[in-house]
Amino acid sequence: MNNIILYCIHTTIMSSVNKEKTIYYFDEDPGYDDLQKITKGFFRVMYTTDGRSVFMNEAGEYTLPLNKQASDMFGLKMYGNIAIVGKLK
C-alpha cells in the first residue's frame, strides 16, 4: 500500500517538472511489475555513486526514443522511461 501512495506522490511532483513522465523517482523499490511497466519491458540496472539504482529498458536503444532529460542528467544516451530508486545519501 505504501508503494502505491509513494508512486502517486512522485508522479504528481514529476508531472510539473517532467510533463512526458520519462523519469520516475521512488524512495523504495516499487517492485518488479511496476518497474517493468515503467521501462516497458525487461530492464537493466545502473548504480549511481550516490547509492541509487537506475532502471532502464534492456533493449531501449533499439526500440524506444531517446530520453533527453535522463541523457543530460547522466551524461550518456538513455532511451525510454527510467526509474530512479533510493534516497540521496
C-alpha atoms as a PDB file:
ATOM      1  CA  MET A   1       0.000   0.000   0.000  1.00  0.00           C
ATOM      2  CA  ASN A   2       2.834   2.432   0.819  1.00  0.00           C
ATOM      3  CA  ASN A   3       4.364   1.877  -2.619  1.00  0.00           C
ATOM      4  CA  ILE A   4       1.122   2.922  -4.298  1.00  0.00           C
ATOM      5  CA  ILE A   5       0.919   6.100  -2.245  1.00  0.00           C
ATOM      6  CA  LEU A   6       4.596   6.841  -2.864  1.00  0.00           C
ATOM      7  CA  TYR A   7       4.108   6.283  -6.600  1.00  0.00           C
ATOM      8  CA  CYS A   8       1.203   8.731  -6.740  1.00  0.00           C
ATOM      9  CA  ILE A   9       3.112  11.397  -4.831  1.00  0.00           C
ATOM     10  CA  HIS A  10       6.147  11.140  -7.096  1.00  0.00           C
ATOM     11  CA  THR A  11       4.032  11.084 -10.254  1.00  0.00           C
ATOM     12  CA  THR A  12       2.303  14.276  -9.159  1.00  0.00           C
ATOM     13  CA  ILE A  13       5.606  16.002  -8.363  1.00  0.00           C
ATOM     14  CA  MET A  14       7.199  14.909 -11.624  1.00  0.00           C
ATOM     15  CA  SER A  15       4.214  15.960 -13.725  1.00  0.00           C
ATOM     16  CA  SER A  16       5.033  19.609 -13.085  1.00  0.00           C
ATOM     17  CA  VAL A  17       8.729  19.151 -13.903  1.00  0.00           C
ATOM     18  CA  ASN A  18       8.736  16.343 -16.456  1.00  0.00           C
ATOM     19  CA  LYS A  19       5.488  16.586 -18.436  1.00  0.00           C
ATOM     20  CA  GLU A  20       6.233  13.482 -20.512  1.00  0.00           C
ATOM     21  CA  LYS A  21       6.837  11.489 -17.305  1.00  0.00           C
ATOM     22  CA  THR A  22      10.009   9.871 -18.610  1.00  0.00           C
ATOM     23  CA  ILE A  23      11.751   9.791 -15.218  1.00  0.00           C
ATOM     24  CA  TYR A  24      10.084   8.276 -12.148  1.00  0.00           C
ATOM     25  CA  TYR A  25      11.518   8.652  -8.633  1.00  0.00           C
ATOM     26  CA  PHE A  26      10.992   6.201  -5.754  1.00  0.00           C
ATOM     27  CA  ASP A  27      12.467   6.211  -2.251  1.00  0.00           C
ATOM     28  CA  GLU A  28      11.963   2.425  -2.023  1.00  0.00           C
ATOM     29  CA  ASP A  29      11.840  -0.366  -4.595  1.00  0.00           C
ATOM     30  CA  PRO A  30       8.362  -0.288  -6.201  1.00  0.00           C
ATOM     31  CA  GLY A  31       8.641  -3.937  -7.251  1.00  0.00           C
ATOM     32  CA  TYR A  32       9.390  -5.850 -10.419  1.00  0.00           C
ATOM     33  CA  ASP A  33       5.972  -5.436 -12.042  1.00  0.00           C
ATOM     34  CA  ASP A  34       5.893  -1.650 -11.626  1.00  0.00           C
ATOM     35  CA  LEU A  35       9.465  -1.293 -12.898  1.00  0.00           C
ATOM     36  CA  GLN A  36       8.618  -3.413 -15.914  1.00  0.00           C
ATOM     37  CA  LYS A  37       5.586  -1.223 -16.669  1.00  0.00           C
ATOM     38  CA  ILE A  38       7.612   1.979 -16.360  1.00  0.00           C
ATOM     39  CA  THR A  39      10.504   0.751 -18.532  1.00  0.00           C
ATOM     40  CA  LYS A  40       8.147  -1.017 -20.968  1.00  0.00           C
ATOM     41  CA  GLY A  41       9.737  -4.445 -20.789  1.00  0.00           C
ATOM     42  CA  PHE A  42      12.768  -6.217 -19.433  1.00  0.00           C
ATOM     43  CA  PHE A  43      15.149  -3.830 -17.732  1.00  0.00           C
ATOM     44  CA  ARG A  44      18.755  -3.403 -16.682  1.00  0.00           C
ATOM     45  CA  VAL A  45      20.118  -1.595 -13.638  1.00  0.00           C
ATOM     46  CA  MET A  46      22.788   1.079 -13.372  1.00  0.00           C
ATOM     47  CA  TYR A  47      24.082   2.011  -9.916  1.00  0.00           C
ATOM     48  CA  THR A  48      24.948   5.630  -9.178  1.00  0.00           C
ATOM     49  CA  THR A  49      27.778   6.894  -6.993  1.00  0.00           C
ATOM     50  CA  ASP A  50      25.230   8.363  -4.573  1.00  0.00           C
ATOM     51  CA  GLY A  51      23.745   4.945  -3.790  1.00  0.00           C
ATOM     52  CA  ARG A  52      20.654   4.973  -6.003  1.00  0.00           C
ATOM     53  CA  SER A  53      19.646   2.463  -8.680  1.00  0.00           C
ATOM     54  CA  VAL A  54      18.558   3.496 -12.177  1.00  0.00           C
ATOM     55  CA  PHE A  55      16.305   1.067 -14.047  1.00  0.00           C
ATOM     56  CA  MET A  56      16.037   1.323 -17.842  1.00  0.00           C
ATOM     57  CA  ASN A  57      14.751  -0.830 -20.700  1.00  0.00           C
ATOM     58  CA  GLU A  58      17.218  -3.556 -21.625  1.00  0.00           C
ATOM     59  CA  ALA A  59      16.882  -3.026 -25.394  1.00  0.00           C
ATOM     60  CA  GLY A  60      15.711   0.591 -25.353  1.00  0.00           C
ATOM     61  CA  GLU A  61      18.369   1.801 -27.789  1.00  0.00           C
ATOM     62  CA  TYR A  62      16.743  -0.392 -30.460  1.00  0.00           C
ATOM     63  CA  THR A  63      13.067   0.233 -29.738  1.00  0.00           C
ATOM     64  CA  LEU A  64      12.474   3.409 -27.708  1.00  0.00           C
ATOM     65  CA  PRO A  65      13.040   7.141 -28.253  1.00  0.00           C
ATOM     66  CA  LEU A  66      15.966   8.979 -26.688  1.00  0.00           C
ATOM     67  CA  ASN A  67      15.209  10.234 -23.181  1.00  0.00           C
ATOM     68  CA  LYS A  68      16.868  13.647 -23.451  1.00  0.00           C
ATOM     69  CA  GLN A  69      16.308  14.637 -19.835  1.00  0.00           C
ATOM     70  CA  ALA A  70      17.813  11.394 -18.467  1.00  0.00           C
ATOM     71  CA  SER A  71      20.653  11.529 -21.017  1.00  0.00           C
ATOM     72  CA  ASP A  72      21.542  15.070 -19.933  1.00  0.00           C
ATOM     73  CA  MET A  73      21.292  14.103 -16.268  1.00  0.00           C
ATOM     74  CA  PHE A  74      23.693  11.146 -16.518  1.00  0.00           C
ATOM     75  CA  GLY A  75      25.884  12.211 -19.447  1.00  0.00           C
ATOM     76  CA  LEU A  76      25.158   9.163 -21.594  1.00  0.00           C
ATOM     77  CA  LYS A  77      22.456   8.191 -24.055  1.00  0.00           C
ATOM     78  CA  MET A  78      19.418   6.690 -22.341  1.00  0.00           C
ATOM     79  CA  TYR A  79      16.253   5.538 -24.079  1.00  0.00           C
ATOM     80  CA  GLY A  80      12.648   5.303 -22.912  1.00  0.00           C
ATOM     81  CA  ASN A  81      11.353   5.807 -19.398  1.00  0.00           C
ATOM     82  CA  ILE A  82      13.655   5.289 -16.435  1.00  0.00           C
ATOM     83  CA  ALA A  83      13.050   4.758 -12.739  1.00  0.00           C
ATOM     84  CA  ILE A  84      15.453   6.079 -10.106  1.00  0.00           C
ATOM     85  CA  VAL A  85      15.168   4.191  -6.822  1.00  0.00           C
ATOM     86  CA  GLY A  86      16.684   5.171  -3.496  1.00  0.00           C
ATOM     87  CA  LYS A  87      17.247   8.184  -1.308  1.00  0.00           C
ATOM     88  CA  LEU A  88      20.153  10.548  -1.768  1.00  0.00           C
ATOM     89  CA  LYS A  89      22.902   9.804   0.734  1.00  0.00           C
END
